[in-house]
C-alpha cells in the first residue's frame, strides 16, 4: 500500500511533529511523535489542540483518530517537574486540550446564550458550528501512563494494541496528587468503582485484555480494527444532527465543569480543602494529647 500523503503537518518543540492523514473518507488520523515518549509538554498540548482546530475548521466533519508514531508509547504522561513549574500549564495547555477532545466543542464561555440568538444571524451560524463536532477514537498503540491514559480517556472510544503496552494511573508511584479533572474523567467513564480504586490506590498496570474486561478500552487491535469499528458503529455520520457535542457536554457535565473552571477557582478549592484539613488535624492532635494525659488507658470525653 502506497503511503498516504498528509493533509497537513505541525511541529512540536523541540523535535517532534503531528501529521494528519485521511486514510478513508472523512476519517482523520492524527499521528503525534515527540521523542522519546510523547510527554505532554506545553508545546505538545498546544500543537495537538491546533491540529484538532484545523480539522474542525478546514475539513468536512467525520471522525478523528489519534495515535502515536512511537511504537512503544501512546504517551508516558506529563513531564511532571516541568508541568508544576510552568505557570498556568494546566489551565492554558492541558485542560483546553482535554476539553476539546471530550466534547469537540469549545469551552462554554466561547458560546453564545440561546436568548441572544436572532434567526439568520451570524451568531446562529456560530452556535451551529460550535454544536457540530465529531467522534474521537484513541488508537492506543503502546503504553499510556498517567496523563497519557487520561488523554485517551477524554476520547469517545479507545482501541488498544492487543499485544503490546499497558495502561495505568501511576501517580501513587511518583508522589503526585490527582487534580479534580484528572480524577473526574475516570469516576465518570469507568463502569466499576472497584476498577477505579485498583487503578488509583494500587497503580495496577492493565494489559489490553484486562483493560477491555474492566471497560477501560472498547476494543483491541490497530488501524484495521479501528477502521472496522468506525464502520460498524457508523461513526462518520454521528455528528450530522448537530447535537453530538452538546449531548456529550451533558453526559460528562462534572468533568466539563471542572475543566472549564478558572485557575483561581481551583486554587480556592485547594486552599479551602487545606484549611479544613488543617483544622481537622489540629483537633485530632488535641484529642490524642488529651487521651495521652489520661494515662493511655483512661477514657476521653469526645
Protein backbone atom coordinates (compact mmCIF):
# COMPACT_ATOMS: atom_id res chain seq x y z
CA UNK A 1 0.00 0.00 0.00
CA UNK A 2 1.43 3.38 -1.01
CA UNK A 3 1.98 5.93 1.77
CA UNK A 4 -0.98 8.25 2.34
CA UNK A 5 0.01 11.88 1.70
CA UNK A 6 -0.56 14.13 4.71
CA UNK A 7 -3.32 16.70 4.84
CA UNK A 8 -1.05 18.84 7.00
CA UNK A 9 1.82 18.59 9.47
CA UNK A 10 2.77 20.64 12.54
CA UNK A 11 5.96 20.89 14.58
CA UNK A 12 6.20 20.11 18.29
CA UNK A 13 9.13 21.77 20.05
CA UNK A 14 11.91 20.80 20.29
CA UNK A 15 11.97 17.89 17.82
CA UNK A 16 8.51 16.40 17.38
CA UNK A 17 5.64 16.56 14.93
CA UNK A 18 1.96 15.92 14.35
CA UNK A 19 0.93 14.58 10.96
CA UNK A 20 -2.71 14.37 9.88
CA UNK A 21 -3.72 11.96 7.09
CA UNK A 22 -7.06 10.85 5.68
CA UNK A 23 -6.88 7.05 5.29
CA UNK A 24 -10.59 6.85 4.40
CA UNK A 25 -13.19 9.50 3.53
CA UNK A 26 -13.98 11.83 6.44
CA UNK A 27 -11.69 9.93 8.81
CA UNK A 28 -8.72 11.94 10.08
CA UNK A 29 -5.75 10.07 11.54
CA UNK A 30 -3.71 12.36 13.80
CA UNK A 31 -0.28 10.84 14.49
CA UNK A 32 1.88 12.55 17.10
CA UNK A 33 5.56 11.90 17.67
CA UNK A 34 7.55 13.70 20.35
CA UNK A 35 10.59 11.61 21.31
CA UNK A 36 11.35 9.78 23.41
CA UNK A 37 7.88 9.02 24.83
CA UNK A 38 5.33 11.72 23.87
CA UNK A 39 5.43 13.64 27.13
CA UNK A 40 2.60 16.16 27.38
CA UNK A 41 4.56 19.38 27.42
CA UNK A 42 3.02 22.81 26.71
CA UNK A 43 4.20 22.61 23.09
CA UNK A 44 2.77 19.10 22.69
CA UNK A 45 -0.64 20.16 24.05
CA UNK A 46 -0.84 23.39 22.05
CA UNK A 47 0.15 21.65 18.81
CA UNK A 48 -2.32 18.81 19.41
CA UNK A 49 -5.07 21.37 20.01
CA UNK A 50 -4.11 23.23 16.85
CA UNK A 51 -4.42 20.02 14.83
CA UNK A 52 -7.95 19.49 16.16
CA UNK A 53 -8.85 23.07 15.30
CA UNK A 54 -7.51 22.75 11.75
CA UNK A 55 -9.57 19.60 11.15
CA UNK A 56 -12.66 21.26 12.61
CA UNK A 57 -12.37 24.50 10.64
CA UNK A 58 -10.93 23.35 7.32
CA UNK A 59 -12.25 19.86 6.57
CA UNK A 60 -15.63 18.12 6.38
CA UNK A 61 -16.86 16.70 9.68
CA UNK A 62 -16.22 13.00 10.23
CA UNK A 63 -14.19 11.03 12.78
CA UNK A 64 -10.85 11.87 14.43
CA UNK A 65 -8.48 9.03 15.37
CA UNK A 66 -5.35 9.89 17.37
CA UNK A 67 -2.30 7.64 17.73
CA UNK A 68 1.44 7.73 18.26
CA UNK A 69 4.26 7.40 15.77
CA UNK A 70 6.45 5.97 18.56
CA UNK A 71 5.69 2.23 18.73
CA UNK A 72 6.42 1.78 22.45
CA UNK A 73 4.32 4.69 23.76
CA UNK A 74 0.96 6.29 23.15
CA UNK A 75 2.04 8.77 25.82
CA UNK A 76 4.06 8.48 29.01
CA UNK A 77 2.17 11.35 30.62
CA UNK A 78 3.33 14.72 31.85
CA UNK A 79 6.85 15.98 32.24
CA UNK A 80 5.79 16.39 35.85
CA UNK A 81 8.55 18.65 37.16
CA UNK A 82 8.13 20.94 34.16
CA UNK A 83 4.33 20.92 34.46
CA UNK A 84 4.24 22.04 38.08
CA UNK A 85 6.85 24.74 37.41
CA UNK A 86 5.16 26.13 34.28
CA UNK A 87 2.69 28.84 35.23
CA UNK A 88 -0.84 28.12 34.02
CA UNK A 89 0.21 24.89 32.27
CA UNK A 90 -2.90 23.05 33.35
CA UNK A 91 -5.38 25.85 32.66
CA UNK A 92 -3.85 27.10 29.41
CA UNK A 93 -2.39 23.96 27.82
CA UNK A 94 -3.57 20.63 29.22
CA UNK A 95 -7.19 21.32 30.22
CA UNK A 96 -8.17 23.04 26.94
CA UNK A 97 -6.86 20.01 25.02
CA UNK A 98 -8.80 17.59 27.20
CA UNK A 99 -11.92 19.73 26.97
CA UNK A 100 -11.72 19.80 23.17
CA UNK A 101 -11.22 16.02 22.98
CA UNK A 102 -14.02 15.31 25.44
CA UNK A 103 -16.72 17.23 23.57
CA UNK A 104 -15.03 18.61 20.44
CA UNK A 105 -16.87 21.81 21.38
CA UNK A 106 -15.19 24.98 22.58
CA UNK A 107 -15.38 25.88 26.26
CA UNK A 108 -18.77 27.21 27.28
CA UNK A 109 -17.61 30.80 27.76
CA UNK A 110 -16.95 31.00 24.00
CA UNK A 111 -20.51 30.00 23.12
CA UNK A 112 -23.39 32.45 22.93
CA UNK A 113 -26.55 32.26 25.01
CA UNK A 114 -29.59 30.99 23.12
CA UNK A 115 -31.55 34.01 24.32
CA UNK A 116 -29.15 36.26 22.40
CA UNK A 117 -29.60 34.45 19.08
CA UNK A 118 -31.59 36.07 16.30
CA UNK A 119 -32.76 33.81 13.44
CA UNK A 120 -30.44 34.07 10.45
CA UNK A 121 -27.77 36.00 12.36
CA UNK A 122 -24.07 35.24 12.24
CA UNK A 123 -24.37 34.17 15.88
CA UNK A 124 -26.83 31.48 14.89
CA UNK A 125 -24.28 30.19 12.40
CA UNK A 126 -21.55 30.34 15.05
CA UNK A 127 -23.65 28.42 17.56
CA UNK A 128 -24.44 25.77 14.98
CA UNK A 129 -20.72 25.44 14.29
CA UNK A 130 -19.86 25.03 17.95
CA UNK A 131 -22.56 22.33 18.18
CA UNK A 132 -21.23 20.34 15.22
CA UNK A 133 -18.34 18.20 16.46
CA UNK A 134 -17.21 14.71 15.52
CA UNK A 135 -16.48 11.42 17.31
CA UNK A 136 -12.95 10.76 18.59
CA UNK A 137 -11.03 7.49 18.98
CA UNK A 138 -7.74 6.97 20.80
CA UNK A 139 -5.79 4.26 18.99
CA UNK A 140 -3.50 3.24 21.86
CA UNK A 141 -0.53 1.57 20.19
CA UNK A 142 1.72 1.26 23.29
CA UNK A 143 1.97 2.34 26.91
CA UNK A 144 -0.45 5.03 28.12
CA UNK A 145 0.54 6.11 31.62
CA UNK A 146 -0.90 8.77 33.93
CA UNK A 147 -1.85 11.85 31.86
CA UNK A 148 -1.30 9.79 28.71
CA UNK A 149 -4.14 7.49 29.76
CA UNK A 150 -6.18 10.48 30.90
CA UNK A 151 -5.85 11.93 27.40
CA UNK A 152 -7.08 8.67 25.90
CA UNK A 153 -10.00 8.65 28.35
CA UNK A 154 -11.13 12.06 27.05
CA UNK A 155 -11.79 10.45 23.65
CA UNK A 156 -15.16 8.86 22.95
CA UNK A 157 -13.65 5.43 22.33
CA UNK A 158 -10.36 3.63 22.92
CA UNK A 159 -8.88 0.78 20.86
CA UNK A 160 -5.65 -0.74 22.14
CA UNK A 161 -2.85 -2.86 20.72
CA UNK A 162 -3.65 -6.39 21.88
CA UNK A 163 -0.02 -7.48 22.07
CA UNK A 164 1.94 -4.57 23.47
CA UNK A 165 1.59 -1.89 26.11
CA UNK A 166 -0.03 -1.21 29.47
CA UNK A 167 -2.40 1.47 30.75
CA UNK A 168 -2.21 2.77 34.30
CA UNK A 169 -2.55 5.69 36.68
CA UNK A 170 0.81 5.64 38.46
CA UNK A 171 0.67 8.94 40.36
CA UNK A 172 0.99 6.96 43.60
CA UNK A 173 4.42 5.76 42.48
CA UNK A 174 5.90 9.21 41.96
CA UNK A 175 4.01 11.07 44.68
CA UNK A 176 1.67 13.26 42.65
CA UNK A 177 -1.91 14.04 43.68
CA UNK A 178 -4.76 13.78 41.20
CA UNK A 179 -6.24 17.15 40.35
CA UNK A 180 -10.07 17.27 40.23
CA UNK A 181 -10.43 16.98 36.42
CA UNK A 182 -7.95 14.09 36.38
CA UNK A 183 -9.97 12.09 38.88
CA UNK A 184 -13.34 13.04 37.45
CA UNK A 185 -12.83 11.52 33.99
CA UNK A 186 -12.25 8.06 35.50
CA UNK A 187 -15.07 8.46 38.00
CA UNK A 188 -17.47 9.24 35.17
CA UNK A 189 -16.26 6.83 32.49
CA UNK A 190 -15.20 3.66 34.28
CA UNK A 191 -18.14 1.27 34.69
CA UNK A 192 -16.99 -0.12 38.05
CA UNK A 193 -15.76 1.76 41.14
CA UNK A 194 -13.50 -1.13 42.17
CA UNK A 195 -11.59 -0.75 38.89
CA UNK A 196 -11.10 2.94 39.71
CA UNK A 197 -9.89 2.04 43.20
CA UNK A 198 -7.42 -0.50 41.82
CA UNK A 199 -6.09 1.96 39.26
CA UNK A 200 -5.56 4.80 41.74
CA UNK A 201 -4.63 3.11 45.01
CA UNK A 202 -2.64 0.16 43.62
CA UNK A 203 -1.15 1.70 40.44
CA UNK A 204 -2.07 -1.51 38.65
CA UNK A 205 -0.85 -1.82 35.08
CA UNK A 206 -3.56 -3.26 32.84
CA UNK A 207 -2.67 -5.06 29.65
CA UNK A 208 -5.08 -4.80 26.73
CA UNK A 209 -7.18 -7.85 27.59
CA UNK A 210 -7.52 -6.73 31.22
CA UNK A 211 -8.35 -3.17 30.14
CA UNK A 212 -11.09 -4.46 27.84
CA UNK A 213 -12.56 -6.64 30.59
CA UNK A 214 -12.63 -3.70 33.01
CA UNK A 215 -14.22 -1.30 30.50
CA UNK A 216 -11.19 0.98 30.23
CA UNK A 217 -11.00 0.41 26.47
CA UNK A 218 -13.62 -0.51 23.87
CA UNK A 219 -11.73 -2.79 21.51
CA UNK A 220 -8.48 -4.47 20.58
CA UNK A 221 -6.26 -4.02 17.55
CA UNK A 222 -4.62 -1.47 15.29
CA UNK A 223 -5.70 0.69 12.38
CA UNK A 224 -7.61 -2.04 10.53
CA UNK A 225 -9.62 -2.83 13.64
CA UNK A 226 -10.24 0.87 14.25
CA UNK A 227 -11.49 1.18 10.67
CA UNK A 228 -13.85 -1.75 11.20
CA UNK A 229 -15.04 -0.20 14.48
CA UNK A 230 -15.82 3.10 12.73
CA UNK A 231 -17.81 1.31 10.04
CA UNK A 232 -19.65 -0.99 12.43
CA UNK A 233 -20.62 1.87 14.75
CA UNK A 234 -21.49 4.16 11.81
CA UNK A 235 -19.45 6.91 13.46
CA UNK A 236 -18.88 9.06 10.37
CA UNK A 237 -22.45 10.36 10.39
CA UNK A 238 -22.90 10.72 14.13
CA UNK A 239 -22.39 14.48 14.13
CA UNK A 240 -24.85 15.18 11.33
CA UNK A 241 -27.77 16.14 13.58
CA UNK A 242 -25.72 18.93 15.15
CA UNK A 243 -26.15 17.97 18.82
CA UNK A 244 -23.42 15.36 19.27
CA UNK A 245 -21.15 17.67 21.24
CA UNK A 246 -23.96 19.14 23.34
CA UNK A 247 -25.04 15.64 24.30
CA UNK A 248 -21.50 14.88 25.42
CA UNK A 249 -21.30 18.11 27.38
CA UNK A 250 -24.34 17.00 29.34
CA UNK A 251 -23.13 13.39 29.69
CA UNK A 252 -19.82 14.50 31.14
CA UNK A 253 -21.10 17.61 32.94
CA UNK A 254 -18.95 17.07 36.03
CA UNK A 255 -15.69 16.79 34.12
CA UNK A 256 -16.58 19.57 31.67
CA UNK A 257 -17.34 21.88 34.59
CA UNK A 258 -14.02 21.13 36.25
CA UNK A 259 -12.09 21.64 33.01
CA UNK A 260 -13.87 24.95 32.40
CA UNK A 261 -13.21 26.27 35.91
CA UNK A 262 -10.80 29.18 36.12
CA UNK A 263 -7.47 28.59 37.82
CA UNK A 264 -8.45 30.89 40.67
CA UNK A 265 -11.47 28.69 41.41
CA UNK A 266 -9.34 25.56 41.53
CA UNK A 267 -6.77 27.29 43.71
CA UNK A 268 -9.52 28.49 46.06
CA UNK A 269 -10.89 24.95 46.23
CA UNK A 270 -7.43 23.67 47.16
CA UNK A 271 -6.97 26.41 49.77
CA UNK A 272 -10.35 25.63 51.37
CA UNK A 273 -9.58 21.92 51.41
CA UNK A 274 -6.18 22.57 53.03
CA UNK A 275 -7.71 24.90 55.63
CA UNK A 276 -10.35 22.32 56.51
CA UNK A 277 -7.70 19.59 56.67
CA UNK A 278 -5.51 21.71 58.94
CA UNK A 279 -8.43 22.33 61.29
CA UNK A 280 -9.24 18.62 61.47
CA UNK A 281 -5.55 17.79 62.05
CA UNK A 282 -5.26 20.30 64.88
CA UNK A 283 -8.39 18.93 66.51
CA UNK A 284 -7.12 15.38 66.09
CA UNK A 285 -3.79 16.21 67.73
CA UNK A 286 -5.64 17.90 70.57
CA UNK A 287 -7.79 14.82 71.16
CA UNK A 288 -4.75 12.49 71.09
CA UNK A 289 -2.89 14.69 73.58
CA UNK A 290 -5.94 14.70 75.83
CA UNK A 291 -6.09 10.91 75.61
CA UNK A 292 -2.41 10.64 76.47
CA UNK A 293 -2.92 12.78 79.57
CA UNK A 294 -5.42 10.19 80.78
CA UNK A 295 -2.52 7.75 81.12
CA UNK A 296 -3.05 5.90 77.79
CA UNK A 297 -5.81 3.75 79.28
CA UNK A 298 -8.21 6.33 80.59
CA UNK A 299 -11.39 7.50 78.94
CA UNK A 300 -11.52 10.74 76.98
CA UNK A 301 -14.79 12.63 76.67
CA UNK A 302 -15.43 13.03 72.92
